[in-house]
N, C-alpha and C. Protein backbone atom coordinates (compact mmCIF):
# COMPACT_ATOMS: atom_id res chain seq x y z
N MET A 1 181.20 108.75 46.62
CA MET A 1 181.15 109.11 45.23
C MET A 1 179.85 109.07 44.74
N SER A 2 179.44 110.12 43.88
CA SER A 2 178.02 110.34 43.52
C SER A 2 177.85 109.71 42.17
N PRO A 3 176.58 109.28 41.74
CA PRO A 3 176.29 108.87 40.59
C PRO A 3 176.71 109.89 39.50
N ASN A 4 176.46 111.29 39.65
CA ASN A 4 176.77 112.25 38.89
C ASN A 4 178.37 112.20 38.45
N GLU A 5 179.22 112.00 39.42
CA GLU A 5 180.65 111.89 39.30
C GLU A 5 180.99 110.88 38.27
N ILE A 6 180.40 109.68 38.71
CA ILE A 6 180.80 108.51 37.86
C ILE A 6 180.28 108.77 36.53
N GLN A 7 179.06 109.37 36.24
CA GLN A 7 178.68 109.56 34.81
C GLN A 7 179.58 110.51 34.11
N GLN A 8 179.95 111.58 34.79
CA GLN A 8 180.90 112.61 34.19
C GLN A 8 182.31 111.87 33.89
N MET A 9 182.84 111.01 34.69
CA MET A 9 184.03 110.31 34.31
C MET A 9 183.89 109.49 32.97
N ILE A 10 182.78 108.64 33.03
CA ILE A 10 182.50 107.93 31.78
C ILE A 10 182.25 108.78 30.57
N GLN A 11 181.57 109.83 30.75
CA GLN A 11 181.34 110.59 29.55
C GLN A 11 182.60 111.35 29.05
N GLN A 12 183.45 111.77 30.00
CA GLN A 12 184.80 112.42 29.57
C GLN A 12 185.65 111.42 28.73
N ALA A 13 185.62 110.08 29.28
CA ALA A 13 186.41 109.17 28.46
C ALA A 13 185.83 108.68 27.21
N LEU A 14 184.47 108.60 27.22
CA LEU A 14 183.64 108.21 26.05
C LEU A 14 182.73 109.31 25.54
N PRO A 15 183.24 110.27 24.93
CA PRO A 15 182.53 111.54 24.66
C PRO A 15 181.14 111.25 23.90
N SER A 16 181.17 110.11 23.12
CA SER A 16 179.87 109.84 22.36
C SER A 16 178.80 109.11 23.11
N ALA A 17 179.09 108.75 24.30
CA ALA A 17 178.33 107.93 25.18
C ALA A 17 177.18 108.68 25.71
N SER A 18 176.08 107.96 25.82
CA SER A 18 174.85 108.37 26.68
C SER A 18 175.09 107.62 28.12
N VAL A 19 174.98 108.32 29.08
CA VAL A 19 175.30 107.55 30.33
C VAL A 19 174.17 107.91 31.32
N GLU A 20 173.75 106.78 32.06
CA GLU A 20 172.85 106.99 33.20
C GLU A 20 173.41 106.07 34.41
N VAL A 21 173.65 106.66 35.45
CA VAL A 21 174.21 106.00 36.58
C VAL A 21 173.32 106.26 37.86
N VAL A 22 173.01 105.13 38.50
CA VAL A 22 172.17 105.26 39.67
C VAL A 22 172.66 104.43 40.89
N ASP A 23 172.52 104.96 42.03
CA ASP A 23 173.10 104.47 43.19
C ASP A 23 172.01 103.26 43.64
N GLU A 24 172.41 102.06 43.49
CA GLU A 24 171.58 100.90 43.61
C GLU A 24 170.89 100.85 45.05
N VAL A 25 171.72 101.10 46.08
CA VAL A 25 171.08 100.93 47.41
C VAL A 25 171.18 102.22 48.32
N GLY A 26 171.49 103.34 47.73
CA GLY A 26 171.64 104.43 48.42
C GLY A 26 172.73 104.85 49.38
N ASP A 27 173.82 103.90 49.22
CA ASP A 27 174.96 103.97 50.08
C ASP A 27 176.17 104.71 49.56
N GLY A 28 176.09 105.10 48.33
CA GLY A 28 177.30 105.69 47.74
C GLY A 28 178.44 104.75 47.32
N ASN A 29 178.10 103.49 47.32
CA ASN A 29 179.16 102.41 46.97
C ASN A 29 178.69 101.40 45.99
N HIS A 30 177.44 101.26 45.82
CA HIS A 30 177.02 100.23 44.81
C HIS A 30 176.05 100.93 43.71
N PHE A 31 176.68 100.87 42.49
CA PHE A 31 176.09 101.71 41.40
C PHE A 31 175.74 100.67 40.23
N ARG A 32 174.72 101.22 39.41
CA ARG A 32 174.44 100.61 38.25
C ARG A 32 174.59 101.62 37.07
N ALA A 33 175.38 101.28 35.98
CA ALA A 33 175.53 102.19 34.95
C ALA A 33 175.00 101.69 33.69
N THR A 34 174.11 102.31 33.01
CA THR A 34 173.76 102.17 31.63
C THR A 34 174.49 102.96 30.62
N VAL A 35 175.23 102.46 29.80
CA VAL A 35 176.19 103.17 28.92
C VAL A 35 175.91 102.79 27.56
N ILE A 36 175.53 103.85 26.74
CA ILE A 36 175.08 103.50 25.30
C ILE A 36 176.15 104.20 24.46
N CYS A 37 176.95 103.66 23.67
CA CYS A 37 177.98 104.14 23.04
C CYS A 37 178.38 103.45 21.60
N ARG A 38 178.47 104.30 20.56
CA ARG A 38 178.76 103.94 19.33
C ARG A 38 180.18 103.04 19.14
N ASP A 39 181.03 103.60 20.19
CA ASP A 39 182.40 103.00 20.25
C ASP A 39 182.41 101.51 20.70
N PHE A 40 181.36 100.92 21.22
CA PHE A 40 181.11 99.58 21.61
C PHE A 40 180.88 98.67 20.35
N ALA A 41 180.71 99.25 19.15
CA ALA A 41 180.46 98.50 17.95
C ALA A 41 181.52 97.64 17.72
N GLY A 42 181.27 96.26 17.48
CA GLY A 42 182.36 95.26 17.32
C GLY A 42 183.19 94.87 18.29
N LYS A 43 182.80 95.28 19.81
CA LYS A 43 183.53 94.99 20.89
C LYS A 43 182.74 93.85 21.72
N SER A 44 183.40 93.10 22.41
CA SER A 44 182.77 92.09 23.11
C SER A 44 182.29 92.79 24.40
N LEU A 45 181.46 91.89 25.13
CA LEU A 45 180.89 92.54 26.32
C LEU A 45 182.09 92.89 27.36
N VAL A 46 183.08 91.87 27.40
CA VAL A 46 184.28 92.22 28.30
C VAL A 46 184.96 93.35 27.80
N GLN A 47 185.17 93.51 26.51
CA GLN A 47 185.88 94.88 26.04
C GLN A 47 185.12 96.11 26.34
N ARG A 48 183.74 95.96 26.25
CA ARG A 48 183.08 97.11 26.74
C ARG A 48 183.20 97.51 28.16
N HIS A 49 183.03 96.54 28.88
CA HIS A 49 183.21 96.70 30.36
C HIS A 49 184.46 97.33 30.73
N GLN A 50 185.62 96.69 30.03
CA GLN A 50 186.98 97.12 30.35
C GLN A 50 186.99 98.76 29.85
N MET A 51 186.38 99.12 28.80
CA MET A 51 186.42 100.58 28.42
C MET A 51 185.79 101.38 29.60
N VAL A 52 184.65 101.04 30.20
CA VAL A 52 183.96 101.73 31.28
C VAL A 52 184.97 101.59 32.43
N TYR A 53 185.56 100.49 32.76
CA TYR A 53 186.51 100.56 34.05
C TYR A 53 187.58 101.36 33.67
N ASN A 54 188.26 101.38 32.48
CA ASN A 54 189.29 102.37 32.27
C ASN A 54 188.88 103.75 32.42
N ALA A 55 187.74 104.09 32.08
CA ALA A 55 187.24 105.51 32.29
C ALA A 55 187.18 105.91 33.64
N LEU A 56 187.01 104.94 34.52
CA LEU A 56 186.74 105.24 35.98
C LEU A 56 188.20 105.08 36.74
N GLY A 57 189.16 104.44 36.02
CA GLY A 57 190.56 104.37 36.73
C GLY A 57 190.64 104.05 38.22
N ASP A 58 191.21 104.75 38.97
CA ASP A 58 191.49 104.45 40.40
C ASP A 58 190.28 104.48 41.21
N ALA A 59 189.36 105.20 40.79
CA ALA A 59 187.97 105.19 41.42
C ALA A 59 187.31 103.76 41.67
N MET A 60 187.57 102.96 40.67
CA MET A 60 187.15 101.65 40.74
C MET A 60 187.75 100.72 41.85
N ARG A 61 189.13 101.16 42.17
CA ARG A 61 189.82 100.47 43.12
C ARG A 61 189.56 101.03 44.62
N HIS A 62 189.36 102.43 44.59
CA HIS A 62 189.36 102.99 45.94
C HIS A 62 188.06 103.69 46.34
N ARG A 63 187.12 103.88 45.40
CA ARG A 63 185.93 104.83 45.70
C ARG A 63 184.68 104.03 45.40
N ILE A 64 184.65 103.04 44.48
CA ILE A 64 183.40 102.29 44.24
C ILE A 64 183.49 101.08 44.54
N HIS A 65 182.57 100.55 45.27
CA HIS A 65 182.74 99.21 45.80
C HIS A 65 182.19 98.11 44.81
N ALA A 66 180.97 98.57 44.12
CA ALA A 66 180.50 97.67 43.15
C ALA A 66 179.77 98.54 41.99
N LEU A 67 179.96 98.04 40.73
CA LEU A 67 179.32 98.68 39.59
C LEU A 67 178.76 97.78 38.73
N ALA A 68 177.56 97.65 38.53
CA ALA A 68 176.90 96.74 37.50
C ALA A 68 176.90 97.58 36.17
N ILE A 69 177.41 97.04 35.13
CA ILE A 69 177.47 97.78 33.89
C ILE A 69 176.48 97.11 32.79
N ALA A 70 175.64 97.86 32.09
CA ALA A 70 174.82 97.58 30.99
C ALA A 70 175.44 98.36 29.78
N ALA A 71 176.07 97.67 28.93
CA ALA A 71 176.66 98.35 27.74
C ALA A 71 176.13 98.16 26.47
N PHE A 72 175.65 99.02 25.68
CA PHE A 72 174.94 98.83 24.50
C PHE A 72 175.57 99.79 23.42
N THR A 73 175.43 99.33 22.13
CA THR A 73 175.47 100.34 21.02
C THR A 73 174.22 101.00 20.81
N PRO A 74 174.05 102.07 20.19
CA PRO A 74 172.84 102.80 20.05
C PRO A 74 171.88 101.85 19.35
N GLU A 75 172.31 101.09 18.35
CA GLU A 75 171.39 100.20 17.58
C GLU A 75 170.95 99.06 18.64
N GLU A 76 171.69 98.49 19.53
CA GLU A 76 171.28 97.48 20.30
C GLU A 76 170.31 98.09 21.34
N TRP A 77 170.52 99.33 21.74
CA TRP A 77 169.61 100.02 22.82
C TRP A 77 168.32 100.14 22.09
N GLU A 78 168.33 100.59 20.82
CA GLU A 78 167.05 100.88 20.17
C GLU A 78 166.14 99.60 19.96
N GLN A 79 166.88 98.67 19.65
CA GLN A 79 166.15 97.20 19.52
C GLN A 79 165.69 96.69 20.92
N ARG A 80 166.46 97.03 21.88
CA ARG A 80 165.90 96.60 23.33
C ARG A 80 164.72 97.40 23.65
N GLN A 81 164.65 98.65 23.38
CA GLN A 81 163.56 99.45 23.70
C GLN A 81 162.30 99.09 22.86
N GLU A 82 162.44 98.78 21.58
CA GLU A 82 161.30 98.41 20.74
C GLU A 82 160.82 96.99 21.11
N LYS A 83 161.66 96.26 21.72
CA LYS A 83 161.28 94.88 22.08
C LYS A 83 160.56 95.05 23.49
N ARG A 84 160.92 95.88 24.16
CA ARG A 84 160.27 96.20 25.51
C ARG A 84 158.87 96.75 25.40
N GLN A 85 158.70 97.69 24.30
CA GLN A 85 157.39 98.25 23.91
C GLN A 85 156.49 97.21 23.28
N HIS A 86 156.92 96.29 22.67
CA HIS A 86 156.05 95.28 21.98
C HIS A 86 155.69 94.17 23.15
N THR A 87 156.43 94.12 24.19
CA THR A 87 156.13 93.08 25.11
C THR A 87 155.51 93.70 26.41
N GLY A 88 155.50 94.93 26.38
CA GLY A 88 154.82 95.71 27.56
C GLY A 88 155.76 95.79 28.82
N ASN A 89 157.09 95.30 28.75
CA ASN A 89 157.97 95.48 29.78
C ASN A 89 158.68 96.77 29.86
N ASN A 90 159.03 97.28 30.99
CA ASN A 90 159.66 98.53 31.26
C ASN A 90 160.94 98.19 31.83
């Protein structure tokens, strides 16, 4: 499975989301997804992850070995980016 396929699946289920997926080790099995979505507002971290897992359906059981998820609302993402700029971290 490619990062692009995972990204498309998440964006199809969460149309308002901005999604970036990378293959952590280059093996096509271990991925990291950053998902920024206004639909996460008011949701717990577990609920946000469940939304992403639901978007991927059977692929999580059969095609993706590991997926690390960072899930933010647009406001949380903006605050995170501003904090990084102020501290000099990337």
